Amino acid sequence: MTVVTRFAPSPTGFLHIGGARTALFNWLYARHHGGKFLLRVEDTDRKRSTDEAIDAILDGLKWFGTDWDGEAVFQTSRVDDHVKAAERLLAEGNAYKCYCSPEELTEMRETA
């Protein structure tokens, strides 16, 4: 079995020490076991994600010597696949719709 790890930063700011540590640990583990290290950019927060942050994260990863296998994958490029998967889960009865208002969701998050 091939080991596959990934790092999935959200490009809403610079790469911070916690993210760098996670990327490095995953990269080291994959390389130690002859596996793959994948990069998936979680760019679904369209209001806060920026091209500058993406560039800074990629440059930061390269700066401390990590490389990834294949092309970096951007979550927004797979939105159609995610919608199809959600629709399939709903059709199969394996998921449910939430009818809460945005205000109710905010209140639940704040009280959790």
Protein backbone atom coordinates (compact mmCIF):
# COMPACT_ATOMS: atom_id res chain seq x y z
CA MET A 1 0.00 0.00 0.00
CA THR A 2 1.28 3.46 -0.91
CA VAL A 3 1.31 6.15 1.76
CA VAL A 4 -0.42 9.35 0.63
CA THR A 5 -0.45 12.49 2.77
CA ARG A 6 -1.71 15.96 1.97
CA PHE A 7 -1.54 19.51 3.14
CA ALA A 8 -4.63 21.67 2.64
CA PRO A 9 -3.99 25.31 3.51
CA SER A 10 -6.65 28.00 3.33
CA PRO A 11 -5.24 30.98 1.42
CA THR A 12 -6.66 33.65 3.69
CA GLY A 13 -3.26 34.84 4.86
CA PHE A 14 0.38 33.91 5.08
CA LEU A 15 1.65 30.42 5.91
CA HIS A 16 1.99 30.37 9.71
CA ILE A 17 4.25 28.20 11.85
CA GLY A 18 1.48 25.69 12.65
CA GLY A 19 0.67 25.20 8.98
CA ALA A 20 4.35 24.93 8.10
CA ARG A 21 4.84 22.30 10.81
CA THR A 22 1.87 20.26 9.56
CA ALA A 23 3.10 20.44 5.97
CA LEU A 24 6.62 19.45 6.98
CA PHE A 25 5.49 16.50 9.11
CA ASN A 26 3.22 15.21 6.34
CA TRP A 27 5.95 15.69 3.73
CA LEU A 28 8.55 13.91 5.89
CA TYR A 29 6.20 11.01 6.61
CA ALA A 30 5.35 10.54 2.93
CA ARG A 31 8.96 10.76 1.81
CA HIS A 32 10.18 8.43 4.59
CA HIS A 33 7.70 5.76 3.48
CA GLY A 34 8.23 6.25 -0.25
CA GLY A 35 4.78 7.75 -0.60
CA LYS A 36 3.17 10.82 -2.07
CA PHE A 37 2.65 14.29 -0.63
CA LEU A 38 -0.28 16.16 -2.17
CA LEU A 39 -1.20 19.83 -1.98
CA ARG A 40 -4.87 20.85 -1.95
CA VAL A 41 -5.62 24.56 -1.64
CA GLU A 42 -8.85 25.18 0.31
CA ASP A 43 -9.86 28.29 -1.64
CA THR A 44 -13.60 28.02 -1.02
CA ASP A 45 -13.73 31.15 1.17
CA ARG A 46 -13.97 33.47 -1.82
CA LYS A 47 -14.27 36.61 0.30
CA ARG A 48 -10.98 36.10 2.11
CA SER A 49 -8.90 33.93 -0.25
CA THR A 50 -6.41 35.91 -2.30
CA ASP A 51 -3.94 35.16 -5.06
CA GLU A 52 -1.26 36.86 -2.96
CA ALA A 53 -1.89 34.44 -0.08
CA ILE A 54 -1.78 31.46 -2.47
CA ASP A 55 1.56 32.66 -3.84
CA ALA A 56 2.90 33.27 -0.33
CA ILE A 57 1.92 29.77 0.81
CA LEU A 58 3.43 28.08 -2.24
CA ASP A 59 6.61 30.16 -1.92
CA GLY A 60 6.82 29.36 1.79
CA LEU A 61 6.51 25.62 1.17
CA LYS A 62 9.21 25.78 -1.49
CA TRP A 63 11.42 27.93 0.75
CA PHE A 64 11.70 25.27 3.43
CA GLY A 65 12.27 22.52 0.90
CA THR A 66 8.96 20.76 0.54
CA ASP A 67 7.77 19.70 -2.86
CA TRP A 68 4.50 18.02 -3.72
CA ASP A 69 3.57 15.30 -6.14
CA GLY A 70 1.50 16.33 -9.13
CA GLU A 71 -0.21 19.66 -9.53
CA ALA A 72 -1.67 21.58 -6.61
CA VAL A 73 -5.43 21.02 -6.54
CA PHE A 74 -7.75 23.95 -5.90
CA GLN A 75 -11.03 23.09 -4.20
CA THR A 76 -12.98 25.61 -6.30
CA SER A 77 -12.04 23.63 -9.40
CA ARG A 78 -14.03 20.69 -8.01
CA VAL A 79 -17.25 22.41 -6.95
CA ASP A 80 -19.29 20.52 -9.56
CA ASP A 81 -17.96 17.18 -8.26
CA HIS A 82 -18.87 18.15 -4.68
CA VAL A 83 -22.40 19.17 -5.69
CA LYS A 84 -22.90 15.86 -7.52
CA ALA A 85 -21.65 13.91 -4.50
CA ALA A 86 -23.99 15.81 -2.16
CA GLU A 87 -26.94 15.24 -4.49
CA ARG A 88 -26.15 11.52 -4.66
CA LEU A 89 -25.94 11.26 -0.86
CA LEU A 90 -29.29 13.04 -0.53
CA ALA A 91 -30.91 10.80 -3.16
CA GLU A 92 -29.62 7.69 -1.37
CA GLY A 93 -30.93 8.89 1.99
CA ASN A 94 -27.42 9.15 3.39
CA ALA A 95 -27.53 12.89 4.09
CA TYR A 96 -30.12 15.43 5.10
CA LYS A 97 -30.78 19.07 4.36
CA CYS A 98 -30.47 21.68 7.07
CA TYR A 99 -33.23 24.27 7.04
CA CYS A 100 -31.70 26.53 9.70
CA SER A 101 -31.42 30.20 8.91
CA PRO A 102 -27.98 31.83 8.79
CA GLU A 103 -28.86 33.53 12.08
CA GLU A 104 -29.69 30.20 13.74
CA LEU A 105 -26.43 28.69 12.51
CA THR A 106 -24.47 31.66 13.87
CA GLU A 107 -26.18 31.31 17.24
CA MET A 108 -25.44 27.57 17.36
CA ARG A 109 -21.76 28.20 16.56
CA GLU A 110 -21.49 30.86 19.24
CA THR A 111 -23.06 28.67 21.92
CA ALA A 112 -21.17 25.49 21.02
